[in-house]
Amino acid sequence: MRLAAEYVGHSLFGLGGDKSLDTIQDDRLTLDFGSSYKLNRNWSVYFNAKNLLNTPLRYYEGSPDRPIQREIYDVTLEGGVRASF
């Protein structure tokens, strides 16, 4: 099992005519979970859950009180079987 967190601070995404018009990508914290279980020598199963905190991707112009874009991706779940021979 694995639990992974990633924090990215705000960063410059695009330059405007002056600092108040710059496009900034806001801070973002994500949390992912991954697991796998080996059934035997050749077969294993896995389960992953991504973006457990449902953190939006947000952009603003100049200051955080001027949002221009917000994307919400929700939690992504995936599972499956792996075979190796």
PDB file of N, CA and C in Angstrom:
ATOM      1  N   MET A   1       0.841  -1.166   0.000  1.00  0.00           N
ATOM      2  CA  MET A   1       0.000   0.000   0.000  1.00  0.00           C
ATOM      3  C   MET A   1       0.895   1.241   0.000  1.00  0.00           C
ATOM      4  N   ARG A   2       0.374   2.303  -0.599  1.00  0.00           N
ATOM      5  CA  ARG A   2       1.115   3.556  -0.676  1.00  0.00           C
ATOM      6  C   ARG A   2       0.143   4.723  -0.584  1.00  0.00           C
ATOM      7  N   LEU A   3       0.490   5.685   0.215  1.00  0.00           N
ATOM      8  CA  LEU A   3      -0.273   6.925   0.311  1.00  0.00           C
ATOM      9  C   LEU A   3       0.698   8.054  -0.040  1.00  0.00           C
ATOM     10  N   ALA A   4       0.336   8.852  -1.022  1.00  0.00           N
ATOM     11  CA  ALA A   4       1.233   9.910  -1.486  1.00  0.00           C
ATOM     12  C   ALA A   4       0.510  11.247  -1.500  1.00  0.00           C
ATOM     13  N   ALA A   5       1.177  12.253  -0.958  1.00  0.00           N
ATOM     14  CA  ALA A   5       0.652  13.618  -0.975  1.00  0.00           C
ATOM     15  C   ALA A   5       1.592  14.474  -1.811  1.00  0.00           C
ATOM     16  N   GLU A   6       1.017  15.419  -2.540  1.00  0.00           N
ATOM     17  CA  GLU A   6       1.821  16.352  -3.327  1.00  0.00           C
ATOM     18  C   GLU A   6       1.283  17.761  -3.110  1.00  0.00           C
ATOM     19  N   TYR A   7       2.179  18.654  -2.747  1.00  0.00           N
ATOM     20  CA  TYR A   7       1.817  20.055  -2.584  1.00  0.00           C
ATOM     21  C   TYR A   7       2.580  20.870  -3.615  1.00  0.00           C
ATOM     22  N   VAL A   8       1.867  21.725  -4.336  1.00  0.00           N
ATOM     23  CA  VAL A   8       2.476  22.640  -5.287  1.00  0.00           C
ATOM     24  C   VAL A   8       2.025  24.038  -4.913  1.00  0.00           C
ATOM     25  N   GLY A   9       2.971  24.909  -4.623  1.00  0.00           N
ATOM     26  CA  GLY A   9       2.645  26.291  -4.273  1.00  0.00           C
ATOM     27  C   GLY A   9       2.187  27.065  -5.494  1.00  0.00           C
ATOM     28  N   HIS A  10       1.662  28.259  -5.258  1.00  0.00           N
ATOM     29  CA  HIS A  10       1.186  29.056  -6.389  1.00  0.00           C
ATOM     30  C   HIS A  10       2.363  29.391  -7.302  1.00  0.00           C
ATOM     31  N   SER A  11       2.077  29.484  -8.599  1.00  0.00           N
ATOM     32  CA  SER A  11       3.133  29.725  -9.579  1.00  0.00           C
ATOM     33  C   SER A  11       2.596  30.569 -10.732  1.00  0.00           C
ATOM     34  N   LEU A  12       3.495  31.256 -11.360  1.00  0.00           N
ATOM     35  CA  LEU A  12       3.159  32.095 -12.502  1.00  0.00           C
ATOM     36  C   LEU A  12       2.825  31.217 -13.697  1.00  0.00           C
ATOM     37  N   PHE A  13       1.659  31.410 -14.279  1.00  0.00           N
ATOM     38  CA  PHE A  13       1.217  30.636 -15.441  1.00  0.00           C
ATOM     39  C   PHE A  13       1.321  31.454 -16.723  1.00  0.00           C
ATOM     40  N   GLY A  14       1.051  32.759 -16.621  1.00  0.00           N
ATOM     41  CA  GLY A  14       1.114  33.615 -17.799  1.00  0.00           C
ATOM     42  C   GLY A  14       1.324  35.066 -17.413  1.00  0.00           C
ATOM     43  N   LEU A  15       2.065  35.790 -18.247  1.00  0.00           N
ATOM     44  CA  LEU A  15       2.326  37.206 -17.992  1.00  0.00           C
ATOM     45  C   LEU A  15       1.237  38.076 -18.587  1.00  0.00           C
ATOM     46  N   GLY A  16       0.824  39.071 -17.797  1.00  0.00           N
ATOM     47  CA  GLY A  16      -0.135  40.059 -18.283  1.00  0.00           C
ATOM     48  C   GLY A  16       0.598  41.353 -18.609  1.00  0.00           C
ATOM     49  N   GLY A  17      -0.131  42.413 -18.871  1.00  0.00           N
ATOM     50  CA  GLY A  17       0.483  43.709 -19.164  1.00  0.00           C
ATOM     51  C   GLY A  17       1.245  44.269 -17.981  1.00  0.00           C
ATOM     52  N   ASP A  18       0.791  43.976 -16.760  1.00  0.00           N
ATOM     53  CA  ASP A  18       1.514  44.313 -15.533  1.00  0.00           C
ATOM     54  C   ASP A  18       1.206  43.232 -14.497  1.00  0.00           C
ATOM     55  N   LYS A  19       1.779  43.355 -13.293  1.00  0.00           N
ATOM     56  CA  LYS A  19       1.645  42.311 -12.264  1.00  0.00           C
ATOM     57  C   LYS A  19       0.188  42.017 -11.898  1.00  0.00           C
ATOM     58  N   SER A  20      -0.681  43.027 -11.937  1.00  0.00           N
ATOM     59  CA  SER A  20      -2.079  42.810 -11.572  1.00  0.00           C
ATOM     60  C   SER A  20      -2.835  42.007 -12.626  1.00  0.00           C
ATOM     61  N   LEU A  21      -2.247  41.807 -13.807  1.00  0.00           N
ATOM     62  CA  LEU A  21      -2.895  41.035 -14.877  1.00  0.00           C
ATOM     63  C   LEU A  21      -2.228  39.681 -15.118  1.00  0.00           C
ATOM     64  N   ASP A  22      -1.191  39.351 -14.334  1.00  0.00           N
ATOM     65  CA  ASP A  22      -0.543  38.046 -14.468  1.00  0.00           C
ATOM     66  C   ASP A  22      -1.513  36.932 -14.099  1.00  0.00           C
ATOM     67  N   THR A  23      -1.434  35.811 -14.771  1.00  0.00           N
ATOM     68  CA  THR A  23      -2.245  34.640 -14.456  1.00  0.00           C
ATOM     69  C   THR A  23      -1.433  33.731 -13.541  1.00  0.00           C
ATOM     70  N   ILE A  24      -2.009  33.402 -12.382  1.00  0.00           N
ATOM     71  CA  ILE A  24      -1.340  32.599 -11.362  1.00  0.00           C
ATOM     72  C   ILE A  24      -2.108  31.294 -11.161  1.00  0.00           C
ATOM     73  N   GLN A  25      -1.371  30.189 -11.109  1.00  0.00           N
ATOM     74  CA  GLN A  25      -1.981  28.912 -10.729  1.00  0.00           C
ATOM     75  C   GLN A  25      -1.914  28.828  -9.216  1.00  0.00           C
ATOM     76  N   ASP A  26      -3.040  28.613  -8.553  1.00  0.00           N
ATOM     77  CA  ASP A  26      -3.136  28.635  -7.089  1.00  0.00           C
ATOM     78  C   ASP A  26      -2.472  27.400  -6.469  1.00  0.00           C
ATOM     79  N   ASP A  27      -2.227  27.488  -5.147  1.00  0.00           N
ATOM     80  CA  ASP A  27      -1.699  26.350  -4.384  1.00  0.00           C
ATOM     81  C   ASP A  27      -2.592  25.137  -4.581  1.00  0.00           C
ATOM     82  N   ARG A  28      -1.990  23.950  -4.493  1.00  0.00           N
ATOM     83  CA  ARG A  28      -2.783  22.737  -4.675  1.00  0.00           C
ATOM     84  C   ARG A  28      -2.169  21.599  -3.878  1.00  0.00           C
ATOM     85  N   LEU A  29      -2.991  20.901  -3.102  1.00  0.00           N
ATOM     86  CA  LEU A  29      -2.566  19.719  -2.352  1.00  0.00           C
ATOM     87  C   LEU A  29      -3.403  18.541  -2.822  1.00  0.00           C
ATOM     88  N   THR A  30      -2.731  17.489  -3.261  1.00  0.00           N
ATOM     89  CA  THR A  30      -3.452  16.282  -3.699  1.00  0.00           C
ATOM     90  C   THR A  30      -2.994  15.093  -2.861  1.00  0.00           C
ATOM     91  N   LEU A  31      -3.865  14.101  -2.756  1.00  0.00           N
ATOM     92  CA  LEU A  31      -3.582  12.893  -1.993  1.00  0.00           C
ATOM     93  C   LEU A  31      -4.031  11.695  -2.821  1.00  0.00           C
ATOM     94  N   ASP A  32      -3.115  10.748  -3.024  1.00  0.00           N
ATOM     95  CA  ASP A  32      -3.392   9.548  -3.813  1.00  0.00           C
ATOM     96  C   ASP A  32      -3.102   8.302  -2.979  1.00  0.00           C
ATOM     97  N   PHE A  33      -3.845   7.239  -3.258  1.00  0.00           N
ATOM     98  CA  PHE A  33      -3.657   5.955  -2.585  1.00  0.00           C
ATOM     99  C   PHE A  33      -3.455   4.883  -3.648  1.00  0.00           C
ATOM    100  N   GLY A  34      -2.494   4.013  -3.427  1.00  0.00           N
ATOM    101  CA  GLY A  34      -2.261   2.913  -4.352  1.00  0.00           C
ATOM    102  C   GLY A  34      -1.986   1.635  -3.585  1.00  0.00           C
ATOM    103  N   SER A  35      -2.457   0.515  -4.130  1.00  0.00           N
ATOM    104  CA  SER A  35      -2.213  -0.765  -3.473  1.00  0.00           C
ATOM    105  C   SER A  35      -2.174  -1.874  -4.510  1.00  0.00           C
ATOM    106  N   SER A  36      -1.474  -2.933  -4.162  1.00  0.00           N
ATOM    107  CA  SER A  36      -1.471  -4.134  -5.006  1.00  0.00           C
ATOM    108  C   SER A  36      -1.258  -5.348  -4.106  1.00  0.00           C
ATOM    109  N   TYR A  37      -1.728  -6.475  -4.584  1.00  0.00           N
ATOM    110  CA  TYR A  37      -1.613  -7.713  -3.831  1.00  0.00           C
ATOM    111  C   TYR A  37      -1.253  -8.829  -4.803  1.00  0.00           C
ATOM    112  N   LYS A  38      -0.161  -9.516  -4.506  1.00  0.00           N
ATOM    113  CA  LYS A  38       0.289 -10.604  -5.371  1.00  0.00           C
ATOM    114  C   LYS A  38      -0.423 -11.894  -4.978  1.00  0.00           C
ATOM    115  N   LEU A  39      -1.205 -12.437  -5.913  1.00  0.00           N
ATOM    116  CA  LEU A  39      -1.966 -13.655  -5.647  1.00  0.00           C
ATOM    117  C   LEU A  39      -1.077 -14.889  -5.705  1.00  0.00           C
ATOM    118  N   ASN A  40      -0.200 -14.919  -6.693  1.00  0.00           N
ATOM    119  CA  ASN A  40       0.789 -15.992  -6.832  1.00  0.00           C
ATOM    120  C   ASN A  40       1.935 -15.455  -7.687  1.00  0.00           C
ATOM    121  N   ARG A  41       2.773 -16.338  -8.204  1.00  0.00           N
ATOM    122  CA  ARG A  41       3.951 -15.914  -8.975  1.00  0.00           C
ATOM    123  C   ARG A  41       3.607 -15.099 -10.204  1.00  0.00           C
ATOM    124  N   ASN A  42       2.458 -15.353 -10.809  1.00  0.00           N
ATOM    125  CA  ASN A  42       2.119 -14.725 -12.086  1.00  0.00           C
ATOM    126  C   ASN A  42       0.999 -13.690 -12.023  1.00  0.00           C
ATOM    127  N   TRP A  43       0.195 -13.719 -10.996  1.00  0.00           N
ATOM    128  CA  TRP A  43      -0.996 -12.861 -10.976  1.00  0.00           C
ATOM    129  C   TRP A  43      -1.007 -11.935  -9.759  1.00  0.00           C
ATOM    130  N   SER A  44      -1.453 -10.700  -9.988  1.00  0.00           N
ATOM    131  CA  SER A  44      -1.653  -9.762  -8.894  1.00  0.00           C
ATOM    132  C   SER A  44      -2.860  -8.884  -9.221  1.00  0.00           C
ATOM    133  N   VAL A  45      -3.435  -8.288  -8.193  1.00  0.00           N
ATOM    134  CA  VAL A  45      -4.553  -7.361  -8.362  1.00  0.00           C
ATOM    135  C   VAL A  45      -4.111  -6.007  -7.800  1.00  0.00           C
ATOM    136  N   TYR A  46      -4.720  -4.944  -8.300  1.00  0.00           N
ATOM    137  CA  TYR A  46      -4.363  -3.616  -7.819  1.00  0.00           C
ATOM    138  C   TYR A  46      -5.594  -2.733  -7.701  1.00  0.00           C
ATOM    139  N   PHE A  47      -5.459  -1.714  -6.861  1.00  0.00           N
ATOM    140  CA  PHE A  47      -6.499  -0.711  -6.683  1.00  0.00           C
ATOM    141  C   PHE A  47      -5.815   0.623  -6.423  1.00  0.00           C
ATOM    142  N   ASN A  48      -6.242   1.667  -7.126  1.00  0.00           N
ATOM    143  CA  ASN A  48      -5.705   3.013  -6.954  1.00  0.00           C
ATOM    144  C   ASN A  48      -6.849   4.008  -6.813  1.00  0.00           C
ATOM    145  N   ALA A  49      -6.635   4.996  -5.977  1.00  0.00           N
ATOM    146  CA  ALA A  49      -7.594   6.104  -5.818  1.00  0.00           C
ATOM    147  C   ALA A  49      -6.792   7.398  -5.911  1.00  0.00           C
ATOM    148  N   LYS A  50      -7.140   8.239  -6.866  1.00  0.00           N
ATOM    149  CA  LYS A  50      -6.400   9.486  -7.099  1.00  0.00           C
ATOM    150  C   LYS A  50      -7.268  10.689  -6.738  1.00  0.00           C
ATOM    151  N   ASN A  51      -6.620  11.754  -6.286  1.00  0.00           N
ATOM    152  CA  ASN A  51      -7.272  13.011  -5.919  1.00  0.00           C
ATOM    153  C   ASN A  51      -8.315  12.808  -4.814  1.00  0.00           C
ATOM    154  N   LEU A  52      -7.913  12.133  -3.752  1.00  0.00           N
ATOM    155  CA  LEU A  52      -8.831  11.848  -2.643  1.00  0.00           C
ATOM    156  C   LEU A  52      -9.365  13.113  -1.972  1.00  0.00           C
ATOM    157  N   LEU A  53      -8.627  14.200  -2.038  1.00  0.00           N
ATOM    158  CA  LEU A  53      -9.072  15.452  -1.424  1.00  0.00           C
ATOM    159  C   LEU A  53      -9.971  16.261  -2.351  1.00  0.00           C
ATOM    160  N   ASN A  54     -10.139  15.791  -3.582  1.00  0.00           N
ATOM    161  CA  ASN A  54     -10.967  16.475  -4.581  1.00  0.00           C
ATOM    162  C   ASN A  54     -10.562  17.949  -4.719  1.00  0.00           C
ATOM    163  N   THR A  55      -9.269  18.181  -4.771  1.00  0.00           N
ATOM    164  CA  THR A  55      -8.718  19.527  -4.836  1.00  0.00           C
ATOM    165  C   THR A  55      -8.927  20.128  -6.225  1.00  0.00           C
ATOM    166  N   PRO A  56      -9.528  21.305  -6.312  1.00  0.00           N
ATOM    167  CA  PRO A  56      -9.720  21.926  -7.633  1.00  0.00           C
ATOM    168  C   PRO A  56      -8.422  22.532  -8.161  1.00  0.00           C
ATOM    169  N   LEU A  57      -8.309  22.581  -9.470  1.00  0.00           N
ATOM    170  CA  LEU A  57      -7.235  23.307 -10.134  1.00  0.00           C
ATOM    171  C   LEU A  57      -7.767  24.707 -10.385  1.00  0.00           C
ATOM    172  N   ARG A  58      -7.095  25.722  -9.841  1.00  0.00           N
ATOM    173  CA  ARG A  58      -7.646  27.074  -9.857  1.00  0.00           C
ATOM    174  C   ARG A  58      -6.618  28.068 -10.366  1.00  0.00           C
ATOM    175  N   TYR A  59      -7.056  28.980 -11.229  1.00  0.00           N
ATOM    176  CA  TYR A  59      -6.217  30.060 -11.739  1.00  0.00           C
ATOM    177  C   TYR A  59      -6.862  31.393 -11.372  1.00  0.00           C
ATOM    178  N   TYR A  60      -6.039  32.367 -11.086  1.00  0.00           N
ATOM    179  CA  TYR A  60      -6.564  33.704 -10.815  1.00  0.00           C
ATOM    180  C   TYR A  60      -5.689  34.750 -11.499  1.00  0.00           C
ATOM    181  N   GLU A  61      -6.240  35.939 -11.609  1.00  0.00           N
ATOM    182  CA  GLU A  61      -5.545  37.042 -12.272  1.00  0.00           C
ATOM    183  C   GLU A  61      -5.111  38.063 -11.233  1.00  0.00           C
ATOM    184  N   GLY A  62      -3.808  38.153 -10.995  1.00  0.00           N
ATOM    185  CA  GLY A  62      -3.258  39.150 -10.082  1.00  0.00           C
ATOM    186  C   GLY A  62      -3.347  38.808  -8.615  1.00  0.00           C
ATOM    187  N   SER A  63      -4.539  38.528  -8.091  1.00  0.00           N
ATOM    188  CA  SER A  63      -4.710  38.183  -6.681  1.00  0.00           C
ATOM    189  C   SER A  63      -5.802  37.115  -6.541  1.00  0.00           C
ATOM    190  N   PRO A  64      -5.760  36.331  -5.448  1.00  0.00           N
ATOM    191  CA  PRO A  64      -6.700  35.216  -5.284  1.00  0.00           C
ATOM    192  C   PRO A  64      -8.178  35.605  -5.313  1.00  0.00           C
ATOM    193  N   ASP A  65      -8.501  36.858  -5.036  1.00  0.00           N
ATOM    194  CA  ASP A  65      -9.913  37.256  -5.061  1.00  0.00           C
ATOM    195  C   ASP A  65     -10.405  37.580  -6.479  1.00  0.00           C
ATOM    196  N   ARG A  66      -9.586  37.288  -7.490  1.00  0.00           N
ATOM    197  CA  ARG A  66      -9.992  37.493  -8.888  1.00  0.00           C
ATOM    198  C   ARG A  66      -9.845  36.190  -9.681  1.00  0.00           C
ATOM    199  N   PRO A  67     -10.614  35.162  -9.350  1.00  0.00           N
ATOM    200  CA  PRO A  67     -10.491  33.874 -10.055  1.00  0.00           C
ATOM    201  C   PRO A  67     -10.937  33.991 -11.510  1.00  0.00           C
ATOM    202  N   ILE A  68     -10.247  33.258 -12.391  1.00  0.00           N
ATOM    203  CA  ILE A  68     -10.620  33.258 -13.806  1.00  0.00           C
ATOM    204  C   ILE A  68     -10.917  31.855 -14.325  1.00  0.00           C
ATOM    205  N   GLN A  69     -10.481  30.827 -13.584  1.00  0.00           N
ATOM    206  CA  GLN A  69     -10.746  29.455 -14.028  1.00  0.00           C
ATOM    207  C   GLN A  69     -10.679  28.521 -12.832  1.00  0.00           C
ATOM    208  N   ARG A  70     -11.586  27.541 -12.817  1.00  0.00           N
ATOM    209  CA  ARG A  70     -11.593  26.535 -11.758  1.00  0.00           C
ATOM    210  C   ARG A  70     -12.032  25.226 -12.374  1.00  0.00           C
ATOM    211  N   GLU A  71     -11.210  24.180 -12.213  1.00  0.00           N
ATOM    212  CA  GLU A  71     -11.513  22.859 -12.759  1.00  0.00           C
ATOM    213  C   GLU A  71     -11.573  21.863 -11.616  1.00  0.00           C
ATOM    214  N   ILE A  72     -12.643  21.072 -11.581  1.00  0.00           N
ATOM    215  CA  ILE A  72     -12.815  20.076 -10.530  1.00  0.00           C
ATOM    216  C   ILE A  72     -12.865  18.703 -11.203  1.00  0.00           C
ATOM    217  N   TYR A  73     -11.972  17.821 -10.780  1.00  0.00           N
ATOM    218  CA  TYR A  73     -11.839  16.511 -11.430  1.00  0.00           C
ATOM    219  C   TYR A  73     -12.450  15.369 -10.645  1.00  0.00           C
ATOM    220  N   ASP A  74     -12.790  15.557  -9.384  1.00  0.00           N
ATOM    221  CA  ASP A  74     -13.365  14.519  -8.539  1.00  0.00           C
ATOM    222  C   ASP A  74     -12.337  13.405  -8.304  1.00  0.00           C
ATOM    223  N   VAL A  75     -12.719  12.404  -7.592  1.00  0.00           N
ATOM    224  CA  VAL A  75     -11.850  11.276  -7.275  1.00  0.00           C
ATOM    225  C   VAL A  75     -11.878  10.299  -8.444  1.00  0.00           C
ATOM    226  N   THR A  76     -10.721   9.751  -8.773  1.00  0.00           N
ATOM    227  CA  THR A  76     -10.604   8.733  -9.823  1.00  0.00           C
ATOM    228  C   THR A  76     -10.246   7.402  -9.173  1.00  0.00           C
ATOM    229  N   LEU A  77     -11.050   6.377  -9.438  1.00  0.00           N
ATOM    230  CA  LEU A  77     -10.812   5.039  -8.917  1.00  0.00           C
ATOM    231  C   LEU A  77     -10.474   4.109 -10.069  1.00  0.00           C
ATOM    232  N   GLU A  78      -9.475   3.261  -9.868  1.00  0.00           N
ATOM    233  CA  GLU A  78      -9.150   2.274 -10.896  1.00  0.00           C
ATOM    234  C   GLU A  78      -8.681   0.999 -10.217  1.00  0.00           C
ATOM    235  N   GLY A  79      -8.960  -0.095 -10.842  1.00  0.00           N
ATOM    236  CA  GLY A  79      -8.552  -1.394 -10.317  1.00  0.00           C
ATOM    237  C   GLY A  79      -8.375  -2.363 -11.453  1.00  0.00           C
ATOM    238  N   GLY A  80      -7.649  -3.420 -11.193  1.00  0.00           N
ATOM    239  CA  GLY A  80      -7.454  -4.387 -12.258  1.00  0.00           C
ATOM    240  C   GLY A  80      -6.611  -5.568 -11.826  1.00  0.00           C
ATOM    241  N   VAL A  81      -6.268  -6.346 -12.825  1.00  0.00           N
ATOM    242  CA  VAL A  81      -5.475  -7.563 -12.647  1.00  0.00           C
ATOM    243  C   VAL A  81      -4.231  -7.435 -13.511  1.00  0.00           C
ATOM    244  N   ARG A  82      -3.098  -7.871 -12.968  1.00  0.00           N
ATOM    245  CA  ARG A  82      -1.852  -7.894 -13.736  1.00  0.00           C
ATOM    246  C   ARG A  82      -1.358  -9.329 -13.849  1.00  0.00           C
ATOM    247  N   ALA A  83      -0.839  -9.641 -15.026  1.00  0.00           N
ATOM    248  CA  ALA A  83      -0.260 -10.963 -15.257  1.00  0.00           C
ATOM    249  C   ALA A  83       1.166 -10.792 -15.763  1.00  0.00           C
ATOM    250  N   SER A  84       2.066 -11.619 -15.271  1.00  0.00           N
ATOM    251  CA  SER A  84       3.432 -11.614 -15.770  1.00  0.00           C
ATOM    252  C   SER A  84       3.887 -13.061 -15.972  1.00  0.00           C
ATOM    253  N   PHE A  85       4.495 -13.291 -17.127  1.00  0.00           N
ATOM    254  CA  PHE A  85       4.936 -14.661 -17.460  1.00  0.00           C
ATOM    255  C   PHE A  85       6.361 -14.660 -17.917  1.00  0.00           C
TER     256      PHE A  85
END
